[in-house]
C-alpha cells in the first residue's frame, strides 16, 4: 500500500490550538490532547470568573463608600445613604460613588449633607 500524504487541515487546527496554549507550562503547551483539555478548562474558568469579578467589584465599591461615609463623623451608614439617594432620585451608581469617595471625599460629604438636610 502506498503512503498517503495527509492534508494541511489537521495541522492547521492543531497549530491554532497550540497558539492559544503557548503560555501554558510543560505538556500543557506541547501535547495536543492535553492542550485541548486545558483550553476547555481555561475558558470555563474565565467564564465563571467574569461573573465573580462583577460581584467582587460591587463589594469593593460598597465597602469604600461605607468607609468614607462613616468616617464623616455623622451617624450615617451605607444603607441609609443609598436609600436617601433613591428617595431624592439622585441616580449615581456605586462605581461612580466609590470613585468620588476615593478622589474627593469632600464632594461625597457634601452630597450626604444635602441629602440629610432635605430629609429633615
PDB file of N, CA and C in Angstrom:
ATOM      1  N   UNK A   1       0.849  -1.184   0.000  1.00  0.00           N
ATOM      2  CA  UNK A   1       0.000   0.000   0.000  1.00  0.00           C
ATOM      3  C   UNK A   1       0.888   1.239   0.000  1.00  0.00           C
ATOM      4  N   UNK A   2       0.497   2.187  -0.776  1.00  0.00           N
ATOM      5  CA  UNK A   2       1.303   3.405  -0.880  1.00  0.00           C
ATOM      6  C   UNK A   2       1.056   4.332   0.297  1.00  0.00           C
ATOM      7  N   UNK A   3       2.040   5.161   0.538  1.00  0.00           N
ATOM      8  CA  UNK A   3       1.959   6.113   1.648  1.00  0.00           C
ATOM      9  C   UNK A   3       1.040   7.268   1.266  1.00  0.00           C
ATOM     10  N   UNK A   4       0.150   7.625   2.181  1.00  0.00           N
ATOM     11  CA  UNK A   4      -0.785   8.721   1.930  1.00  0.00           C
ATOM     12  C   UNK A   4      -0.269   9.974   2.623  1.00  0.00           C
ATOM     13  N   UNK A   5      -0.153  11.047   1.890  1.00  0.00           N
ATOM     14  CA  UNK A   5       0.235  12.321   2.496  1.00  0.00           C
ATOM     15  C   UNK A   5      -1.024  13.017   2.996  1.00  0.00           C
ATOM     16  N   UNK A   6      -1.044  13.267   4.283  1.00  0.00           N
ATOM     17  CA  UNK A   6      -2.225  13.901   4.864  1.00  0.00           C
ATOM     18  C   UNK A   6      -2.264  15.376   4.490  1.00  0.00           C
ATOM     19  N   UNK A   7      -3.455  15.931   4.507  1.00  0.00           N
ATOM     20  CA  UNK A   7      -3.628  17.334   4.165  1.00  0.00           C
ATOM     21  C   UNK A   7      -3.158  18.259   5.273  1.00  0.00           C
ATOM     22  N   UNK A   8      -3.349  19.516   5.070  1.00  0.00           N
ATOM     23  CA  UNK A   8      -2.842  20.524   5.994  1.00  0.00           C
ATOM     24  C   UNK A   8      -3.887  20.947   7.018  1.00  0.00           C
ATOM     25  N   UNK A   9      -5.122  20.461   6.870  1.00  0.00           N
ATOM     26  CA  UNK A   9      -6.215  20.965   7.701  1.00  0.00           C
ATOM     27  C   UNK A   9      -6.035  20.590   9.174  1.00  0.00           C
ATOM     28  N   UNK A  10      -5.672  19.314   9.428  1.00  0.00           N
ATOM     29  CA  UNK A  10      -5.474  18.888  10.820  1.00  0.00           C
ATOM     30  C   UNK A  10      -4.299  19.630  11.433  1.00  0.00           C
ATOM     31  N   UNK A  11      -3.238  19.824  10.667  1.00  0.00           N
ATOM     32  CA  UNK A  11      -2.069  20.537  11.165  1.00  0.00           C
ATOM     33  C   UNK A  11      -2.424  21.987  11.493  1.00  0.00           C
ATOM     34  N   UNK A  12      -3.245  22.589  10.660  1.00  0.00           N
ATOM     35  CA  UNK A  12      -3.675  23.972  10.889  1.00  0.00           C
ATOM     36  C   UNK A  12      -4.520  24.088  12.155  1.00  0.00           C
ATOM     37  N   UNK A  13      -5.390  23.083  12.368  1.00  0.00           N
ATOM     38  CA  UNK A  13      -6.231  23.084  13.564  1.00  0.00           C
ATOM     39  C   UNK A  13      -5.377  22.952  14.828  1.00  0.00           C
ATOM     40  N   UNK A  14      -4.412  22.029  14.802  1.00  0.00           N
ATOM     41  CA  UNK A  14      -3.541  21.830  15.963  1.00  0.00           C
ATOM     42  C   UNK A  14      -2.682  23.058  16.232  1.00  0.00           C
ATOM     43  N   UNK A  15      -2.238  23.697  15.171  1.00  0.00           N
ATOM     44  CA  UNK A  15      -1.410  24.889  15.316  1.00  0.00           C
ATOM     45  C   UNK A  15      -2.203  26.010  15.990  1.00  0.00           C
ATOM     46  N   UNK A  16      -3.471  26.131  15.607  1.00  0.00           N
ATOM     47  CA  UNK A  16      -4.338  27.151  16.188  1.00  0.00           C
ATOM     48  C   UNK A  16      -4.540  26.898  17.685  1.00  0.00           C
ATOM     49  N   UNK A  17      -4.713  25.608  18.050  1.00  0.00           N
ATOM     50  CA  UNK A  17      -4.878  25.260  19.456  1.00  0.00           C
ATOM     51  C   UNK A  17      -3.590  25.557  20.224  1.00  0.00           C
ATOM     52  N   UNK A  18      -2.440  25.238  19.613  1.00  0.00           N
ATOM     53  CA  UNK A  18      -1.144  25.477  20.272  1.00  0.00           C
ATOM     54  C   UNK A  18      -0.892  26.956  20.502  1.00  0.00           C
ATOM     55  N   UNK A  19      -1.352  27.810  19.609  1.00  0.00           N
ATOM     56  CA  UNK A  19      -1.177  29.250  19.801  1.00  0.00           C
ATOM     57  C   UNK A  19      -1.927  29.728  21.039  1.00  0.00           C
ATOM     58  N   UNK A  20      -3.087  29.142  21.296  1.00  0.00           N
ATOM     59  CA  UNK A  20      -3.863  29.504  22.491  1.00  0.00           C
ATOM     60  C   UNK A  20      -3.107  29.131  23.755  1.00  0.00           C
ATOM     61  N   UNK A  21      -2.432  27.963  23.708  1.00  0.00           N
ATOM     62  CA  UNK A  21      -1.799  27.426  24.907  1.00  0.00           C
ATOM     63  C   UNK A  21      -0.300  27.691  24.953  1.00  0.00           C
ATOM     64  N   UNK A  22       0.159  28.669  24.211  1.00  0.00           N
ATOM     65  CA  UNK A  22       1.607  28.890  24.136  1.00  0.00           C
ATOM     66  C   UNK A  22       2.213  29.321  25.466  1.00  0.00           C
ATOM     67  N   UNK A  23       1.422  29.914  26.343  1.00  0.00           N
ATOM     68  CA  UNK A  23       1.960  30.358  27.629  1.00  0.00           C
ATOM     69  C   UNK A  23       1.795  29.316  28.725  1.00  0.00           C
ATOM     70  N   UNK A  24       1.120  28.211  28.431  1.00  0.00           N
ATOM     71  CA  UNK A  24       0.970  27.156  29.423  1.00  0.00           C
ATOM     72  C   UNK A  24       2.313  26.469  29.632  1.00  0.00           C
ATOM     73  N   UNK A  25       2.462  25.742  30.748  1.00  0.00           N
ATOM     74  CA  UNK A  25       3.746  25.128  31.065  1.00  0.00           C
ATOM     75  C   UNK A  25       3.740  23.633  30.829  1.00  0.00           C
ATOM     76  N   UNK A  26       4.887  23.103  30.487  1.00  0.00           N
ATOM     77  CA  UNK A  26       5.082  21.662  30.350  1.00  0.00           C
ATOM     78  C   UNK A  26       4.258  21.062  29.229  1.00  0.00           C
ATOM     79  N   UNK A  27       3.699  19.873  29.503  1.00  0.00           N
ATOM     80  CA  UNK A  27       2.916  19.162  28.499  1.00  0.00           C
ATOM     81  C   UNK A  27       1.662  19.936  28.122  1.00  0.00           C
ATOM     82  N   UNK A  28       1.225  20.836  28.995  1.00  0.00           N
ATOM     83  CA  UNK A  28       0.025  21.616  28.710  1.00  0.00           C
ATOM     84  C   UNK A  28       0.218  22.549  27.521  1.00  0.00           C
ATOM     85  N   UNK A  29       1.461  22.750  27.115  1.00  0.00           N
ATOM     86  CA  UNK A  29       1.703  23.597  25.950  1.00  0.00           C
ATOM     87  C   UNK A  29       2.234  22.805  24.759  1.00  0.00           C
ATOM     88  N   UNK A  30       2.462  21.480  24.943  1.00  0.00           N
ATOM     89  CA  UNK A  30       3.087  20.707  23.872  1.00  0.00           C
ATOM     90  C   UNK A  30       2.235  19.578  23.311  1.00  0.00           C
ATOM     91  N   UNK A  31       1.465  18.905  24.147  1.00  0.00           N
ATOM     92  CA  UNK A  31       0.713  17.736  23.696  1.00  0.00           C
ATOM     93  C   UNK A  31      -0.720  18.137  23.347  1.00  0.00           C
ATOM     94  N   UNK A  32      -1.131  17.747  22.153  1.00  0.00           N
ATOM     95  CA  UNK A  32      -2.394  18.245  21.606  1.00  0.00           C
ATOM     96  C   UNK A  32      -3.596  17.873  22.465  1.00  0.00           C
ATOM     97  N   UNK A  33      -3.670  16.636  22.912  1.00  0.00           N
ATOM     98  CA  UNK A  33      -4.825  16.221  23.718  1.00  0.00           C
ATOM     99  C   UNK A  33      -4.908  17.021  25.021  1.00  0.00           C
ATOM    100  N   UNK A  34      -3.782  17.147  25.656  1.00  0.00           N
ATOM    101  CA  UNK A  34      -3.755  17.863  26.938  1.00  0.00           C
ATOM    102  C   UNK A  34      -4.018  19.348  26.711  1.00  0.00           C
ATOM    103  N   UNK A  35      -3.532  19.873  25.599  1.00  0.00           N
ATOM    104  CA  UNK A  35      -3.798  21.288  25.280  1.00  0.00           C
ATOM    105  C   UNK A  35      -5.297  21.529  25.145  1.00  0.00           C
ATOM    106  N   UNK A  36      -5.994  20.615  24.457  1.00  0.00           N
ATOM    107  CA  UNK A  36      -7.439  20.819  24.279  1.00  0.00           C
ATOM    108  C   UNK A  36      -8.170  20.759  25.617  1.00  0.00           C
ATOM    109  N   UNK A  37      -7.743  19.844  26.499  1.00  0.00           N
ATOM    110  CA  UNK A  37      -8.363  19.760  27.826  1.00  0.00           C
ATOM    111  C   UNK A  37      -8.119  21.045  28.619  1.00  0.00           C
ATOM    112  N   UNK A  38      -6.884  21.536  28.579  1.00  0.00           N
ATOM    113  CA  UNK A  38      -6.545  22.741  29.318  1.00  0.00           C
ATOM    114  C   UNK A  38      -7.246  23.971  28.745  1.00  0.00           C
ATOM    115  N   UNK A  39      -7.439  23.974  27.444  1.00  0.00           N
ATOM    116  CA  UNK A  39      -8.144  25.092  26.811  1.00  0.00           C
ATOM    117  C   UNK A  39      -9.591  25.146  27.304  1.00  0.00           C
ATOM    118  N   UNK A  40     -10.249  23.998  27.336  1.00  0.00           N
ATOM    119  CA  UNK A  40     -11.626  23.942  27.828  1.00  0.00           C
ATOM    120  C   UNK A  40     -11.680  24.417  29.273  1.00  0.00           C
ATOM    121  N   UNK A  41     -10.720  23.942  30.063  1.00  0.00           N
ATOM    122  CA  UNK A  41     -10.670  24.310  31.485  1.00  0.00           C
ATOM    123  C   UNK A  41     -10.459  25.808  31.665  1.00  0.00           C
ATOM    124  N   UNK A  42      -9.560  26.363  30.862  1.00  0.00           N
ATOM    125  CA  UNK A  42      -9.257  27.794  30.959  1.00  0.00           C
ATOM    126  C   UNK A  42     -10.467  28.636  30.581  1.00  0.00           C
ATOM    127  N   UNK A  43     -11.170  28.233  29.525  1.00  0.00           N
ATOM    128  CA  UNK A  43     -12.331  29.008  29.083  1.00  0.00           C
ATOM    129  C   UNK A  43     -13.480  28.920  30.086  1.00  0.00           C
ATOM    130  N   UNK A  44     -13.646  27.750  30.712  1.00  0.00           N
ATOM    131  CA  UNK A  44     -14.683  27.597  31.742  1.00  0.00           C
ATOM    132  C   UNK A  44     -14.368  28.516  32.921  1.00  0.00           C
ATOM    133  N   UNK A  45     -13.097  28.527  33.343  1.00  0.00           N
ATOM    134  CA  UNK A  45     -12.698  29.377  34.467  1.00  0.00           C
ATOM    135  C   UNK A  45     -12.900  30.855  34.138  1.00  0.00           C
ATOM    136  N   UNK A  46     -12.541  31.235  32.909  1.00  0.00           N
ATOM    137  CA  UNK A  46     -12.693  32.631  32.511  1.00  0.00           C
ATOM    138  C   UNK A  46     -14.162  33.040  32.528  1.00  0.00           C
ATOM    139  N   UNK A  47     -15.025  32.155  32.048  1.00  0.00           N
ATOM    140  CA  UNK A  47     -16.463  32.451  32.012  1.00  0.00           C
ATOM    141  C   UNK A  47     -17.013  32.583  33.422  1.00  0.00           C
ATOM    142  N   UNK A  48     -16.626  31.662  34.299  1.00  0.00           N
ATOM    143  CA  UNK A  48     -17.101  31.686  35.683  1.00  0.00           C
ATOM    144  C   UNK A  48     -16.600  32.937  36.410  1.00  0.00           C
ATOM    145  N   UNK A  49     -15.340  33.283  36.197  1.00  0.00           N
ATOM    146  CA  UNK A  49     -14.740  34.372  36.945  1.00  0.00           C
ATOM    147  C   UNK A  49     -15.145  35.751  36.451  1.00  0.00           C
ATOM    148  N   UNK A  50     -15.712  35.834  35.253  1.00  0.00           N
ATOM    149  CA  UNK A  50     -16.249  37.133  34.829  1.00  0.00           C
ATOM    150  C   UNK A  50     -17.405  37.534  35.727  1.00  0.00           C
ATOM    151  N   UNK A  51     -18.282  36.581  36.056  1.00  0.00           N
ATOM    152  CA  UNK A  51     -19.378  36.872  36.976  1.00  0.00           C
ATOM    153  C   UNK A  51     -18.849  37.147  38.380  1.00  0.00           C
ATOM    154  N   UNK A  52     -17.843  36.376  38.790  1.00  0.00           N
ATOM    155  CA  UNK A  52     -17.247  36.553  40.111  1.00  0.00           C
ATOM    156  C   UNK A  52     -16.632  37.946  40.256  1.00  0.00           C
ATOM    157  N   UNK A  53     -15.988  38.389  39.173  1.00  0.00           N
ATOM    158  CA  UNK A  53     -15.336  39.699  39.185  1.00  0.00           C
ATOM    159  C   UNK A  53     -16.351  40.820  39.388  1.00  0.00           C
ATOM    160  N   UNK A  54     -17.512  40.700  38.760  1.00  0.00           N
ATOM    161  CA  UNK A  54     -18.565  41.703  38.928  1.00  0.00           C
ATOM    162  C   UNK A  54     -18.996  41.777  40.397  1.00  0.00           C
ATOM    163  N   UNK A  55     -19.158  40.601  41.016  1.00  0.00           N
ATOM    164  CA  UNK A  55     -19.535  40.569  42.429  1.00  0.00           C
ATOM    165  C   UNK A  55     -18.478  41.205  43.312  1.00  0.00           C
ATOM    166  N   UNK A  56     -17.225  40.847  43.039  1.00  0.00           N
ATOM    167  CA  UNK A  56     -16.130  41.346  43.870  1.00  0.00           C
ATOM    168  C   UNK A  56     -15.996  42.860  43.776  1.00  0.00           C
ATOM    169  N   UNK A  57     -16.126  43.402  42.568  1.00  0.00           N
ATOM    170  CA  UNK A  57     -16.017  44.849  42.413  1.00  0.00           C
ATOM    171  C   UNK A  57     -17.168  45.565  43.099  1.00  0.00           C
ATOM    172  N   UNK A  58     -18.372  45.019  42.998  1.00  0.00           N
ATOM    173  CA  UNK A  58     -19.506  45.653  43.673  1.00  0.00           C
ATOM    174  C   UNK A  58     -19.283  45.686  45.187  1.00  0.00           C
ATOM    175  N   UNK A  59     -18.775  44.582  45.752  1.00  0.00           N
ATOM    176  CA  UNK A  59     -18.463  44.542  47.177  1.00  0.00           C
ATOM    177  C   UNK A  59     -17.417  45.583  47.545  1.00  0.00           C
ATOM    178  N   UNK A  60     -16.405  45.728  46.699  1.00  0.00           N
ATOM    179  CA  UNK A  60     -15.348  46.701  46.960  1.00  0.00           C
ATOM    180  C   UNK A  60     -15.893  48.118  46.964  1.00  0.00           C
ATOM    181  N   UNK A  61     -16.739  48.429  45.971  1.00  0.00           N
ATOM    182  CA  UNK A  61     -17.316  49.781  45.894  1.00  0.00           C
ATOM    183  C   UNK A  61     -18.159  50.074  47.132  1.00  0.00           C
ATOM    184  N   UNK A  62     -18.976  49.108  47.544  1.00  0.00           N
ATOM    185  CA  UNK A  62     -19.829  49.297  48.710  1.00  0.00           C
ATOM    186  C   UNK A  62     -18.980  49.533  49.957  1.00  0.00           C
ATOM    187  N   UNK A  63     -17.912  48.765  50.106  1.00  0.00           N
ATOM    188  CA  UNK A  63     -17.028  48.917  51.266  1.00  0.00           C
ATOM    189  C   UNK A  63     -16.394  50.297  51.294  1.00  0.00           C
ATOM    190  N   UNK A  64     -15.932  50.769  50.134  1.00  0.00           N
ATOM    191  CA  UNK A  64     -15.303  52.090  50.069  1.00  0.00           C
ATOM    192  C   UNK A  64     -16.282  53.203  50.419  1.00  0.00           C
ATOM    193  N   UNK A  65     -17.480  53.122  49.858  1.00  0.00           N
ATOM    194  CA  UNK A  65     -18.487  54.159  50.131  1.00  0.00           C
ATOM    195  C   UNK A  65     -18.834  54.169  51.623  1.00  0.00           C
ATOM    196  N   UNK A  66     -19.056  52.989  52.173  1.00  0.00           N
ATOM    197  CA  UNK A  66     -19.426  52.874  53.585  1.00  0.00           C
ATOM    198  C   UNK A  66     -18.332  53.424  54.483  1.00  0.00           C
ATOM    199  N   UNK A  67     -17.071  53.123  54.162  1.00  0.00           N
ATOM    200  CA  UNK A  67     -15.957  53.593  54.986  1.00  0.00           C
ATOM    201  C   UNK A  67     -15.877  55.112  55.001  1.00  0.00           C
ATOM    202  N   UNK A  68     -16.037  55.734  53.843  1.00  0.00           N
ATOM    203  CA  UNK A  68     -15.933  57.195  53.767  1.00  0.00           C
ATOM    204  C   UNK A  68     -17.113  57.861  54.456  1.00  0.00           C
ATOM    205  N   UNK A  69     -18.305  57.303  54.304  1.00  0.00           N
ATOM    206  CA  UNK A  69     -19.487  57.904  54.930  1.00  0.00           C
ATOM    207  C   UNK A  69     -19.392  57.810  56.454  1.00  0.00           C
ATOM    208  N   UNK A  70     -18.976  56.665  56.984  1.00  0.00           N
ATOM    209  CA  UNK A  70     -18.860  56.513  58.437  1.00  0.00           C
ATOM    210  C   UNK A  70     -17.734  57.384  59.000  1.00  0.00           C
ATOM    211  N   UNK A  71     -16.723  57.642  58.182  1.00  0.00           N
ATOM    212  CA  UNK A  71     -15.589  58.460  58.598  1.00  0.00           C
ATOM    213  C   UNK A  71     -16.000  59.917  58.822  1.00  0.00           C
ATOM    214  N   UNK A  72     -17.093  60.323  58.217  1.00  0.00           N
ATOM    215  CA  UNK A  72     -17.523  61.707  58.274  1.00  0.00           C
ATOM    216  C   UNK A  72     -17.915  62.202  59.654  1.00  0.00           C
ATOM    217  N   UNK A  73     -18.078  61.307  60.606  1.00  0.00           N
ATOM    218  CA  UNK A  73     -18.426  61.732  61.953  1.00  0.00           C
ATOM    219  C   UNK A  73     -19.923  61.779  62.182  1.00  0.00           C
ATOM    220  N   UNK A  74     -20.712  61.670  61.145  1.00  0.00           N
ATOM    221  CA  UNK A  74     -22.165  61.668  61.269  1.00  0.00           C
ATOM    222  C   UNK A  74     -22.611  60.227  61.488  1.00  0.00           C
ATOM    223  N   UNK A  75     -23.656  60.023  62.286  1.00  0.00           N
ATOM    224  CA  UNK A  75     -24.147  58.656  62.491  1.00  0.00           C
ATOM    225  C   UNK A  75     -24.979  58.275  61.260  1.00  0.00           C
ATOM    226  N   UNK A  76     -24.268  57.930  60.231  1.00  0.00           N
ATOM    227  CA  UNK A  76     -24.868  57.678  58.929  1.00  0.00           C
ATOM    228  C   UNK A  76     -24.154  56.483  58.348  1.00  0.00           C
ATOM    229  N   UNK A  77     -24.878  55.575  57.744  1.00  0.00           N
ATOM    230  CA  UNK A  77     -24.214  54.417  57.157  1.00  0.00           C
ATOM    231  C   UNK A  77     -24.619  54.227  55.696  1.00  0.00           C
ATOM    232  N   UNK A  78     -24.058  53.209  55.094  1.00  0.00           N
ATOM    233  CA  UNK A  78     -24.217  52.972  53.658  1.00  0.00           C
ATOM    234  C   UNK A  78     -25.673  52.772  53.269  1.00  0.00           C
ATOM    235  N   UNK A  79     -26.371  51.909  54.007  1.00  0.00           N
ATOM    236  CA  UNK A  79     -27.734  51.563  53.604  1.00  0.00           C
ATOM    237  C   UNK A  79     -28.657  52.786  53.661  1.00  0.00           C
ATOM    238  N   UNK A  80     -28.499  53.606  54.699  1.00  0.00           N
ATOM    239  CA  UNK A  80     -29.304  54.832  54.785  1.00  0.00           C
ATOM    240  C   UNK A  80     -28.947  55.787  53.647  1.00  0.00           C
ATOM    241  N   UNK A  81     -27.659  55.873  53.344  1.00  0.00           N
ATOM    242  CA  UNK A  81     -27.187  56.766  52.284  1.00  0.00           C
ATOM    243  C   UNK A  81     -27.797  56.386  50.937  1.00  0.00           C
ATOM    244  N   UNK A  82     -27.746  55.103  50.599  1.00  0.00           N
ATOM    245  CA  UNK A  82     -28.294  54.633  49.318  1.00  0.00           C
ATOM    246  C   UNK A  82     -29.812  54.822  49.296  1.00  0.00           C
ATOM    247  N   UNK A  83     -30.462  54.543  50.421  1.00  0.00           N
ATOM    248  CA  UNK A  83     -31.914  54.715  50.499  1.00  0.00           C
ATOM    249  C   UNK A  83     -32.295  56.174  50.259  1.00  0.00           C
ATOM    250  N   UNK A  84     -31.577  57.075  50.898  1.00  0.00           N
ATOM    251  CA  UNK A  84     -31.867  58.500  50.732  1.00  0.00           C
ATOM    252  C   UNK A  84     -31.536  58.988  49.319  1.00  0.00           C
ATOM    253  N   UNK A  85     -30.484  58.411  48.716  1.00  0.00           N
ATOM    254  CA  UNK A  85     -30.161  58.767  47.324  1.00  0.00           C
ATOM    255  C   UNK A  85     -31.329  58.435  46.403  1.00  0.00           C
ATOM    256  N   UNK A  86     -31.892  57.243  46.590  1.00  0.00           N
ATOM    257  CA  UNK A  86     -33.007  56.844  45.740  1.00  0.00           C
ATOM    258  C   UNK A  86     -34.257  57.679  46.010  1.00  0.00           C
ATOM    259  N   UNK A  87     -34.469  58.038  47.267  1.00  0.00           N
ATOM    260  CA  UNK A  87     -35.613  58.891  47.584  1.00  0.00           C
ATOM    261  C   UNK A  87     -35.484  60.268  46.953  1.00  0.00           C
ATOM    262  N   UNK A  88     -34.271  60.790  46.890  1.00  0.00           N
ATOM    263  CA  UNK A  88     -34.014  62.088  46.268  1.00  0.00           C
ATOM    264  C   UNK A  88     -33.894  61.978  44.750  1.00  0.00           C
ATOM    265  N   UNK A  89     -33.929  60.757  44.226  1.00  0.00           N
ATOM    266  CA  UNK A  89     -33.813  60.469  42.792  1.00  0.00           C
ATOM    267  C   UNK A  89     -32.471  60.932  42.221  1.00  0.00           C
ATOM    268  N   UNK A  90     -31.415  60.785  43.025  1.00  0.00           N
ATOM    269  CA  UNK A  90     -30.052  61.024  42.551  1.00  0.00           C
ATOM    270  C   UNK A  90     -29.489  59.662  42.156  1.00  0.00           C
ATOM    271  N   UNK A  91     -29.595  59.348  40.898  1.00  0.00           N
ATOM    272  CA  UNK A  91     -29.226  58.015  40.446  1.00  0.00           C
ATOM    273  C   UNK A  91     -27.751  57.962  40.071  1.00  0.00           C
ATOM    274  N   UNK A  92     -26.907  57.906  41.096  1.00  0.00           N
ATOM    275  CA  UNK A  92     -25.471  57.698  40.898  1.00  0.00           C
ATOM    276  C   UNK A  92     -25.187  56.243  41.224  1.00  0.00           C
ATOM    277  N   UNK A  93     -24.508  55.554  40.322  1.00  0.00           N
ATOM    278  CA  UNK A  93     -24.235  54.152  40.622  1.00  0.00           C
ATOM    279  C   UNK A  93     -23.070  54.018  41.596  1.00  0.00           C
ATOM    280  N   UNK A  94     -22.892  52.817  42.120  1.00  0.00           N
ATOM    281  CA  UNK A  94     -21.911  52.586  43.172  1.00  0.00           C
ATOM    282  C   UNK A  94     -20.487  52.795  42.695  1.00  0.00           C
ATOM    283  N   UNK A  95     -20.233  52.502  41.434  1.00  0.00           N
ATOM    284  CA  UNK A  95     -18.890  52.692  40.882  1.00  0.00           C
ATOM    285  C   UNK A  95     -18.505  54.174  40.916  1.00  0.00           C
ATOM    286  N   UNK A  96     -19.409  55.026  40.490  1.00  0.00           N
ATOM    287  CA  UNK A  96     -19.147  56.469  40.475  1.00  0.00           C
ATOM    288  C   UNK A  96     -19.010  56.991  41.901  1.00  0.00           C
ATOM    289  N   UNK A  97     -19.883  56.540  42.793  1.00  0.00           N
ATOM    290  CA  UNK A  97     -19.803  56.976  44.185  1.00  0.00           C
ATOM    291  C   UNK A  97     -18.476  56.552  44.825  1.00  0.00           C
ATOM    292  N   UNK A  98     -18.009  55.357  44.498  1.00  0.00           N
ATOM    293  CA  UNK A  98     -16.731  54.894  45.051  1.00  0.00           C
ATOM    294  C   UNK A  98     -15.579  55.735  44.513  1.00  0.00           C
ATOM    295  N   UNK A  99     -15.642  56.121  43.223  1.00  0.00           N
ATOM    296  CA  UNK A  99     -14.603  56.984  42.653  1.00  0.00           C
ATOM    297  C   UNK A  99     -14.599  58.343  43.355  1.00  0.00           C
ATOM    298  N   UNK A 100     -15.791  58.882  43.593  1.00  0.00           N
ATOM    299  CA  UNK A 100     -15.889  60.162  44.306  1.00  0.00           C
ATOM    300  C   UNK A 100     -15.330  60.005  45.725  1.00  0.00           C
ATOM    301  N   UNK A 101     -15.641  58.881  46.360  1.00  0.00           N
ATOM    302  CA  UNK A 101     -15.176  58.646  47.732  1.00  0.00           C
ATOM    303  C   UNK A 101     -13.656  58.601  47.805  1.00  0.00           C
ATOM    304  N   UNK A 102     -13.024  58.026  46.791  1.00  0.00           N
ATOM    305  CA  UNK A 102     -11.563  57.923  46.801  1.00  0.00           C
ATOM    306  C   UNK A 102     -10.921  59.256  46.430  1.00  0.00           C
ATOM    307  N   UNK A 103     -11.379  59.853  45.346  1.00  0.00           N
ATOM    308  CA  UNK A 103     -10.698  61.024  44.797  1.00  0.00           C
ATOM    309  C   UNK A 103     -11.061  62.329  45.503  1.00  0.00           C
ATOM    310  N   UNK A 104     -12.318  62.440  45.949  1.00  0.00           N
ATOM    311  CA  UNK A 104     -12.748  63.710  46.524  1.00  0.00           C
ATOM    312  C   UNK A 104     -13.766  63.442  47.639  1.00  0.00           C
ATOM    313  N   UNK A 105     -13.267  63.186  48.842  1.00  0.00           N
ATOM    314  CA  UNK A 105     -14.147  62.860  49.972  1.00  0.00           C
ATOM    315  C   UNK A 105     -15.091  64.004  50.298  1.00  0.00           C
ATOM    316  N   UNK A 106     -14.594  65.232  50.155  1.00  0.00           N
ATOM    317  CA  UNK A 106     -15.431  66.394  50.490  1.00  0.00           C
ATOM    318  C   UNK A 106     -16.697  66.436  49.644  1.00  0.00           C
ATOM    319  N   UNK A 107     -16.569  66.040  48.393  1.00  0.00           N
ATOM    320  CA  UNK A 107     -17.730  66.019  47.493  1.00  0.00           C
ATOM    321  C   UNK A 107     -18.778  65.031  47.993  1.00  0.00           C
ATOM    322  N   UNK A 108     -18.314  63.859  48.433  1.00  0.00           N
ATOM    323  CA  UNK A 108     -19.250  62.863  48.957  1.00  0.00           C
ATOM    324  C   UNK A 108     -19.891  63.350  50.255  1.00  0.00           C
ATOM    325  N   UNK A 109     -19.111  64.045  51.096  1.00  0.00           N
ATOM    326  CA  UNK A 109     -19.673  64.626  52.311  1.00  0.00           C
ATOM    327  C   UNK A 109     -20.745  65.644  51.965  1.00  0.00           C
ATOM    328  N   UNK A 110     -20.482  66.464  50.954  1.00  0.00           N
ATOM    329  CA  UNK A 110     -21.475  67.464  50.533  1.00  0.00           C
ATOM    330  C   UNK A 110     -22.753  66.798  50.065  1.00  0.00           C
ATOM    331  N   UNK A 111     -22.624  65.734  49.285  1.00  0.00           N
ATOM    332  CA  UNK A 111     -23.811  65.009  48.799  1.00  0.00           C
ATOM    333  C   UNK A 111     -24.603  64.460  49.981  1.00  0.00           C
ATOM    334  N   UNK A 112     -23.903  63.818  50.923  1.00  0.00           N
ATOM    335  CA  UNK A 112     -24.618  63.223  52.062  1.00  0.00           C
ATOM    336  C   UNK A 112     -25.245  64.300  52.947  1.00  0.00           C
ATOM    337  N   UNK A 113     -24.550  65.441  53.134  1.00  0.00           N
ATOM    338  CA  UNK A 113     -25.120  66.525  53.943  1.00  0.00           C
ATOM    339  C   UNK A 113     -26.360  67.116  53.291  1.00  0.00           C
ATOM    340  N   UNK A 114     -26.334  67.268  51.974  1.00  0.00           N
ATOM    341  CA  UNK A 114     -27.521  67.781  51.270  1.00  0.00           C
ATOM    342  C   UNK A 114     -28.700  66.838  51.413  1.00  0.00           C
ATOM    343  N   UNK A 115     -28.410  65.550  51.337  1.00  0.00           N
ATOM    344  CA  UNK A 115     -29.475  64.570  51.479  1.00  0.00           C
ATOM    345  C   UNK A 115     -30.078  64.628  52.883  1.00  0.00           C
ATOM    346  N   UNK A 116     -29.195  64.747  53.883  1.00  0.00           N
ATOM    347  CA  UNK A 116     -29.672  64.806  55.281  1.00  0.00           C
ATOM    348  C   UNK A 116     -30.521  66.049  55.489  1.00  0.00           C
ATOM    349  N   UNK A 117     -30.105  67.194  54.941  1.00  0.00           N
ATOM    350  CA  UNK A 117     -30.850  68.439  55.098  1.00  0.00           C
ATOM    351  C   UNK A 117     -32.235  68.337  54.449  1.00  0.00           C
ATOM    352  N   UNK A 118     -32.287  67.741  53.280  1.00  0.00           N
ATOM    353  CA  UNK A 118     -33.569  67.627  52.568  1.00  0.00           C
ATOM    354  C   UNK A 118     -34.532  66.706  53.319  1.00  0.00           C
ATOM    355  N   UNK A 119     -33.982  65.650  53.962  1.00  0.00           N
ATOM    356  CA  UNK A 119     -34.842  64.705  54.680  1.00  0.00           C
ATOM    357  C   UNK A 119     -35.451  65.356  55.924  1.00  0.00           C
ATOM    358  N   UNK A 120     -34.677  66.248  56.566  1.00  0.00           N
ATOM    359  CA  UNK A 120     -35.180  66.906  57.786  1.00  0.00           C
ATOM    360  C   UNK A 120     -36.194  67.950  57.390  1.00  0.00           C
TER     361      UNK A 120
END
